[in-house]
Amino acid sequence: MKVLLDACVTAQILPLLSSLDVTTARDRGWHELSNGNLLSVAQHEFDVLITLDRNMRYQQPIHKFNIGLVVIQGVRNTVESL
C-alpha cells in the first residue's frame, strides 16, 4: 500500500508507519498544493492520504478521487498525541 503523508502531519510519525510504503507531501514538493490539487495528483500514485485536516472531507468531493482518506484526530501534532 502506497501512503502519502500530508504536510500538516509531523514526519516524526514515520517510524510508526514503517510497515507501509510512506512518502511525505513535503518530500514530493507537494506541500503547498491546495487540498483539491493534492488529492488530484496523489490519486495517480498513492492509495491513501493521511491528514490532520478534519474539514477536507467536507471541502472536497472525496468520492470523486481514486484515493482513500485517513483523518487522524489528535490534540496536538505530536507523535504522542497522534
C-alpha atoms as a PDB file:
ATOM      1  CA  MET A   1       0.000   0.000   0.000  1.00  0.00           C
ATOM      2  CA  LYS A   2       1.372   3.392  -1.012  1.00  0.00           C
ATOM      3  CA  VAL A   3       0.629   6.095   1.534  1.00  0.00           C
ATOM      4  CA  LEU A   4       1.060   9.852   1.247  1.00  0.00           C
ATOM      5  CA  LEU A   5       1.517  11.794   4.473  1.00  0.00           C
ATOM      6  CA  ASP A   6       0.018  15.281   4.235  1.00  0.00           C
ATOM      7  CA  ALA A   7       2.311  18.215   5.024  1.00  0.00           C
ATOM      8  CA  CYS A   8       0.258  19.051   8.123  1.00  0.00           C
ATOM      9  CA  VAL A   9       1.218  15.725   9.760  1.00  0.00           C
ATOM     10  CA  THR A  10       4.523  15.611  11.591  1.00  0.00           C
ATOM     11  CA  ALA A  11       7.097  13.452   9.832  1.00  0.00           C
ATOM     12  CA  GLN A  12       8.054  12.104  13.260  1.00  0.00           C
ATOM     13  CA  ILE A  13       5.169   9.660  12.832  1.00  0.00           C
ATOM     14  CA  LEU A  14       7.001   7.861  10.006  1.00  0.00           C
ATOM     15  CA  PRO A  15       8.606   5.198  12.262  1.00  0.00           C
ATOM     16  CA  LEU A  16       5.117   4.148  13.372  1.00  0.00           C
ATOM     17  CA  LEU A  17       4.206   3.510   9.726  1.00  0.00           C
ATOM     18  CA  SER A  18       7.367   1.597   8.846  1.00  0.00           C
ATOM     19  CA  SER A  19       5.433  -1.429   7.563  1.00  0.00           C
ATOM     20  CA  LEU A  20       3.885   0.754   4.834  1.00  0.00           C
ATOM     21  CA  ASP A  21       5.345   2.458   1.766  1.00  0.00           C
ATOM     22  CA  VAL A  22       5.062   6.064   3.020  1.00  0.00           C
ATOM     23  CA  THR A  23       6.112   9.287   1.308  1.00  0.00           C
ATOM     24  CA  THR A  24       5.526  12.788   2.603  1.00  0.00           C
ATOM     25  CA  ALA A  25       3.930  15.574   0.590  1.00  0.00           C
ATOM     26  CA  ARG A  26       6.940  17.714   1.506  1.00  0.00           C
ATOM     27  CA  ASP A  27       9.350  15.147   0.015  1.00  0.00           C
ATOM     28  CA  ARG A  28       7.364  15.222  -3.229  1.00  0.00           C
ATOM     29  CA  GLY A  29       7.294  19.021  -3.330  1.00  0.00           C
ATOM     30  CA  TRP A  30       3.510  18.978  -2.917  1.00  0.00           C
ATOM     31  CA  HIS A  31       3.380  20.679   0.491  1.00  0.00           C
ATOM     32  CA  GLU A  32       1.994  23.932  -0.936  1.00  0.00           C
ATOM     33  CA  LEU A  33      -0.767  22.388  -3.054  1.00  0.00           C
ATOM     34  CA  SER A  34      -4.365  23.057  -2.094  1.00  0.00           C
ATOM     35  CA  ASN A  35      -6.299  20.036  -0.848  1.00  0.00           C
ATOM     36  CA  GLY A  36      -8.113  19.532  -4.143  1.00  0.00           C
ATOM     37  CA  ASN A  37      -4.921  19.722  -6.166  1.00  0.00           C
ATOM     38  CA  LEU A  38      -3.115  17.432  -3.729  1.00  0.00           C
ATOM     39  CA  LEU A  39      -5.828  14.785  -3.999  1.00  0.00           C
ATOM     40  CA  SER A  40      -5.849  15.153  -7.768  1.00  0.00           C
ATOM     41  CA  VAL A  41      -2.126  14.494  -8.228  1.00  0.00           C
ATOM     42  CA  ALA A  42      -1.796  11.986  -5.383  1.00  0.00           C
ATOM     43  CA  GLN A  43      -4.565   9.694  -6.646  1.00  0.00           C
ATOM     44  CA  HIS A  44      -2.376   8.598  -9.558  1.00  0.00           C
ATOM     45  CA  GLU A  45       0.458   7.320  -7.360  1.00  0.00           C
ATOM     46  CA  PHE A  46      -0.937   6.631  -3.892  1.00  0.00           C
ATOM     47  CA  ASP A  47      -3.643   4.501  -2.320  1.00  0.00           C
ATOM     48  CA  VAL A  48      -4.196   6.599   0.812  1.00  0.00           C
ATOM     49  CA  LEU A  49      -3.646  10.151   2.040  1.00  0.00           C
ATOM     50  CA  ILE A  50      -3.152  10.566   5.794  1.00  0.00           C
ATOM     51  CA  THR A  51      -4.019  14.040   7.058  1.00  0.00           C
ATOM     52  CA  LEU A  52      -4.978  16.003  10.163  1.00  0.00           C
ATOM     53  CA  ASP A  53      -7.356  18.191   8.148  1.00  0.00           C
ATOM     54  CA  ARG A  54     -10.773  17.277   9.571  1.00  0.00           C
ATOM     55  CA  ASN A  55     -12.531  19.595   7.135  1.00  0.00           C
ATOM     56  CA  MET A  56     -11.115  18.096   3.944  1.00  0.00           C
ATOM     57  CA  ARG A  57     -13.973  15.614   3.597  1.00  0.00           C
ATOM     58  CA  TYR A  58     -16.453  18.495   3.738  1.00  0.00           C
ATOM     59  CA  GLN A  59     -14.484  20.805   1.434  1.00  0.00           C
ATOM     60  CA  GLN A  60     -13.629  18.286  -1.283  1.00  0.00           C
ATOM     61  CA  PRO A  61     -15.780  15.759  -3.160  1.00  0.00           C
ATOM     62  CA  ILE A  62     -13.726  12.837  -1.803  1.00  0.00           C
ATOM     63  CA  HIS A  63     -15.826  10.278  -3.693  1.00  0.00           C
ATOM     64  CA  LYS A  64     -14.574  11.736  -6.993  1.00  0.00           C
ATOM     65  CA  PHE A  65     -10.935  10.919  -6.231  1.00  0.00           C
ATOM     66  CA  ASN A  66      -9.394   7.483  -6.569  1.00  0.00           C
ATOM     67  CA  ILE A  67      -7.602   7.637  -3.205  1.00  0.00           C
ATOM     68  CA  GLY A  68      -8.536   6.772   0.353  1.00  0.00           C
ATOM     69  CA  LEU A  69      -8.510   9.411   3.067  1.00  0.00           C
ATOM     70  CA  VAL A  70      -7.487   8.762   6.675  1.00  0.00           C
ATOM     71  CA  VAL A  71      -8.055  11.668   9.046  1.00  0.00           C
ATOM     72  CA  ILE A  72      -6.098  11.436  12.280  1.00  0.00           C
ATOM     73  CA  GLN A  73      -7.508  13.375  15.207  1.00  0.00           C
ATOM     74  CA  GLY A  74      -5.179  14.463  17.961  1.00  0.00           C
ATOM     75  CA  VAL A  75      -4.950  17.267  20.467  1.00  0.00           C
ATOM     76  CA  ARG A  76      -1.602  18.333  19.014  1.00  0.00           C
ATOM     77  CA  ASN A  77       0.522  17.411  16.015  1.00  0.00           C
ATOM     78  CA  THR A  78       2.935  15.340  18.074  1.00  0.00           C
ATOM     79  CA  VAL A  79       3.674  11.633  17.906  1.00  0.00           C
ATOM     80  CA  GLU A  80       2.406  11.164  21.463  1.00  0.00           C
ATOM     81  CA  SER A  81      -0.884  12.883  20.725  1.00  0.00           C
ATOM     82  CA  LEU A  82      -1.438  11.232  17.356  1.00  0.00           C
END
